[in-house]
Amino acid sequence: MRVRFFAAAAEAAGRDEQQIAAESTLGELLTTLRTEHGTEFARVLERCAIRVDGATVDDDHVIAGTATVDVLPPFAGG
């Protein structure tokens, strides 16, 4: 799956994008990302919206290997 990081999430992860080969649930993916990218990323992740192929899903949702997951911090302005 393709994981895209935006704004503060990209800064905390140290990259804009990451490929993950395994199919997993959203909850498993988030645990993997927290472990891989560390404390600062985990802190930022708590404020982020997560979209799978543009949709909001729960932690039990199975993410296909072909999916795009977006990690979106809150946006300022309006």
Protein backbone atom coordinates (compact mmCIF):
# COMPACT_ATOMS: atom_id res chain seq x y z
CA MET A 1 0.00 0.00 0.00
CA ARG A 2 1.03 3.58 -0.52
CA VAL A 3 1.11 5.76 2.62
CA ARG A 4 1.30 9.51 1.99
CA PHE A 5 2.30 11.92 4.77
CA PHE A 6 1.36 15.60 4.63
CA ALA A 7 2.66 18.73 6.42
CA ALA A 8 3.69 18.02 10.05
CA ALA A 9 3.21 14.26 9.56
CA ALA A 10 5.72 14.29 6.68
CA GLU A 11 8.16 16.29 8.76
CA ALA A 12 7.85 13.90 11.73
CA ALA A 13 8.14 10.81 9.49
CA GLY A 14 11.09 12.26 7.60
CA ARG A 15 9.45 11.53 4.25
CA ASP A 16 6.42 12.34 2.11
CA GLU A 17 5.55 8.79 1.15
CA GLN A 18 6.18 5.19 2.09
CA GLN A 19 5.35 1.85 0.48
CA ILE A 20 4.19 -1.00 2.72
CA ALA A 21 4.03 -4.44 1.13
CA ALA A 22 1.74 -6.24 3.57
CA GLU A 23 -2.03 -6.04 3.73
CA SER A 24 -3.14 -5.06 7.23
CA THR A 25 -5.90 -3.44 9.23
CA LEU A 26 -5.75 0.30 9.79
CA GLY A 27 -5.00 -0.30 13.47
CA GLU A 28 -2.06 -2.58 12.62
CA LEU A 29 -0.75 -0.06 10.09
CA LEU A 30 -0.88 2.79 12.62
CA THR A 31 0.95 0.68 15.21
CA THR A 32 3.65 -0.12 12.64
CA LEU A 33 4.04 3.53 11.69
CA ARG A 34 4.28 4.65 15.34
CA THR A 35 6.97 2.06 16.01
CA GLU A 36 8.93 2.81 12.85
CA HIS A 37 8.85 6.60 13.03
CA GLY A 38 9.09 7.18 16.79
CA THR A 39 7.68 9.37 19.52
CA GLU A 40 7.40 12.68 17.65
CA PHE A 41 5.53 11.01 14.79
CA ALA A 42 3.21 9.24 17.26
CA ARG A 43 2.45 12.60 18.89
CA VAL A 44 1.61 14.19 15.53
CA LEU A 45 -0.40 11.13 14.46
CA GLU A 46 -2.78 11.60 17.40
CA ARG A 47 -4.06 14.81 15.76
CA CYS A 48 -4.21 13.47 12.20
CA ALA A 49 -7.12 12.38 10.07
CA ILE A 50 -6.49 9.10 8.25
CA ARG A 51 -8.12 8.40 4.90
CA VAL A 52 -8.01 5.10 3.01
CA ASP A 53 -8.68 5.65 -0.67
CA GLY A 54 -10.36 8.92 0.33
CA ALA A 55 -12.68 7.39 2.95
CA THR A 56 -12.70 7.47 6.74
CA VAL A 57 -12.56 3.91 8.10
CA ASP A 58 -12.28 2.32 11.54
CA ASP A 59 -9.22 0.55 12.96
CA ASP A 60 -10.60 -2.90 12.02
CA HIS A 61 -10.83 -2.03 8.32
CA VAL A 62 -8.56 -4.26 6.20
CA ILE A 63 -6.44 -2.19 3.84
CA ALA A 64 -5.70 -3.80 0.50
CA GLY A 65 -2.15 -3.82 -0.82
CA THR A 66 -3.22 -1.51 -3.66
CA ALA A 67 -4.75 1.15 -1.36
CA THR A 68 -3.57 4.71 -0.76
CA VAL A 69 -3.55 5.84 2.86
CA ASP A 70 -3.31 9.57 3.57
CA VAL A 71 -2.08 10.90 6.94
CA LEU A 72 -3.48 14.43 7.20
CA PRO A 73 -2.69 16.77 10.10
CA PRO A 74 -5.20 19.52 10.90
CA PHE A 75 -5.01 22.39 8.44
CA ALA A 76 -4.86 26.02 9.58
CA GLY A 77 -6.66 28.84 7.86
CA GLY A 78 -9.90 28.80 6.02
